[in-house]
Amino acid sequence: MLLSSLGTSIANVGLPTLAQAFTASFQQVQWVVLAYLLAITTLIVSVGRLSDLTGRRRLLLAGIFLFTVASLLCGIAPTLRLLIAARAAQ
């Protein structure tokens, strides 16, 4: 819960800077936060069930790997669309 809240808060603070960096409107940049929240909200129950079927350890390791790769993509994203997609993957 802490990391989820922290990830959302950090992105909210950085929105004005992201808008300048990508020369985008504030409404467009808000999708960075919305993509993250929508992905978590829609997948949390089904991923919980998947962990019951496949094993929690295996799914946790896969989740950590996916989060790491998505975080790397967020860091090197040259476009706003790629940043939004990487945040959804996080």
Protein backbone atom coordinates (compact mmCIF):
# COMPACT_ATOMS: atom_id res chain seq x y z
CA MET A 1 0.00 0.00 0.00
CA LEU A 2 2.81 2.39 0.82
CA LEU A 3 4.54 1.96 -2.53
CA SER A 4 1.31 2.39 -4.45
CA SER A 5 0.49 5.62 -2.64
CA LEU A 6 4.07 6.84 -2.96
CA GLY A 7 4.14 6.11 -6.70
CA THR A 8 0.96 8.07 -7.26
CA SER A 9 2.06 10.99 -5.08
CA ILE A 10 5.45 11.28 -6.77
CA ALA A 11 3.86 11.30 -10.21
CA ASN A 12 1.36 13.97 -9.14
CA VAL A 13 4.15 16.24 -7.93
CA GLY A 14 6.05 15.80 -11.18
CA LEU A 15 3.15 16.52 -13.56
CA PRO A 16 4.02 20.17 -14.24
CA THR A 17 7.62 19.24 -15.02
CA LEU A 18 6.47 16.39 -17.29
CA ALA A 19 4.16 18.78 -19.12
CA GLN A 20 7.11 21.05 -19.85
CA ALA A 21 9.46 18.21 -20.79
CA PHE A 22 7.03 16.67 -23.27
CA THR A 23 5.49 19.99 -24.36
CA ALA A 24 2.07 18.58 -23.57
CA SER A 25 -1.00 19.93 -21.84
CA PHE A 26 -1.65 19.18 -18.20
CA GLN A 27 -4.67 17.05 -19.18
CA GLN A 28 -2.48 14.87 -21.41
CA VAL A 29 0.16 14.44 -18.73
CA GLN A 30 -2.47 13.45 -16.15
CA TRP A 31 -2.76 10.14 -18.02
CA VAL A 32 0.58 9.18 -16.46
CA VAL A 33 -1.18 8.93 -13.09
CA LEU A 34 -4.51 7.68 -14.48
CA ALA A 35 -2.92 4.80 -16.41
CA TYR A 36 -1.23 3.58 -13.22
CA LEU A 37 -4.41 3.81 -11.16
CA LEU A 38 -6.62 2.22 -13.82
CA ALA A 39 -4.26 -0.72 -14.26
CA ILE A 40 -4.07 -1.38 -10.52
CA THR A 41 -7.82 -1.02 -10.04
CA THR A 42 -8.79 -3.34 -12.88
CA LEU A 43 -6.16 -6.03 -12.33
CA ILE A 44 -5.86 -6.40 -8.57
CA VAL A 45 -8.56 -9.05 -8.11
CA SER A 46 -7.63 -11.15 -11.14
CA VAL A 47 -3.92 -11.06 -10.29
CA GLY A 48 -4.75 -12.15 -6.75
CA ARG A 49 -6.62 -15.13 -8.16
CA LEU A 50 -3.76 -15.86 -10.55
CA SER A 51 -1.36 -15.94 -7.60
CA ASP A 52 -3.56 -18.53 -5.92
CA LEU A 53 -3.32 -20.71 -9.03
CA THR A 54 0.34 -20.28 -9.96
CA GLY A 55 1.94 -19.60 -6.60
CA ARG A 56 2.56 -16.36 -4.81
CA ARG A 57 6.35 -16.52 -4.94
CA ARG A 58 6.44 -17.07 -8.70
CA LEU A 59 3.98 -14.26 -9.37
CA LEU A 60 5.79 -11.92 -6.97
CA LEU A 61 9.09 -12.48 -8.78
CA ALA A 62 7.41 -11.95 -12.16
CA GLY A 63 5.80 -8.76 -10.81
CA ILE A 64 9.10 -7.43 -9.53
CA PHE A 65 10.70 -8.14 -12.91
CA LEU A 66 7.85 -6.43 -14.80
CA PHE A 67 7.94 -3.43 -12.46
CA THR A 68 11.71 -3.09 -12.90
CA VAL A 69 11.51 -3.22 -16.70
CA ALA A 70 8.57 -0.78 -16.73
CA SER A 71 10.44 1.59 -14.40
CA LEU A 72 13.42 1.52 -16.75
CA LEU A 73 11.12 2.32 -19.66
CA CYS A 74 9.63 5.21 -17.67
CA GLY A 75 13.10 6.59 -17.11
CA ILE A 76 14.11 6.49 -20.77
CA ALA A 77 10.73 7.24 -22.38
CA PRO A 78 11.28 9.66 -25.27
CA THR A 79 7.54 10.24 -25.78
CA LEU A 80 4.58 10.82 -23.54
CA ARG A 81 2.75 7.80 -25.00
CA LEU A 82 5.58 5.46 -24.07
CA LEU A 83 5.70 6.97 -20.57
CA ILE A 84 1.96 6.39 -20.14
CA ALA A 85 2.25 2.79 -21.38
CA ALA A 86 5.18 2.11 -19.07
CA ARG A 87 3.27 3.54 -16.10
CA ALA A 88 0.35 1.25 -16.92
CA ALA A 89 2.77 -1.69 -16.95
CA GLN A 90 4.12 -0.67 -13.57
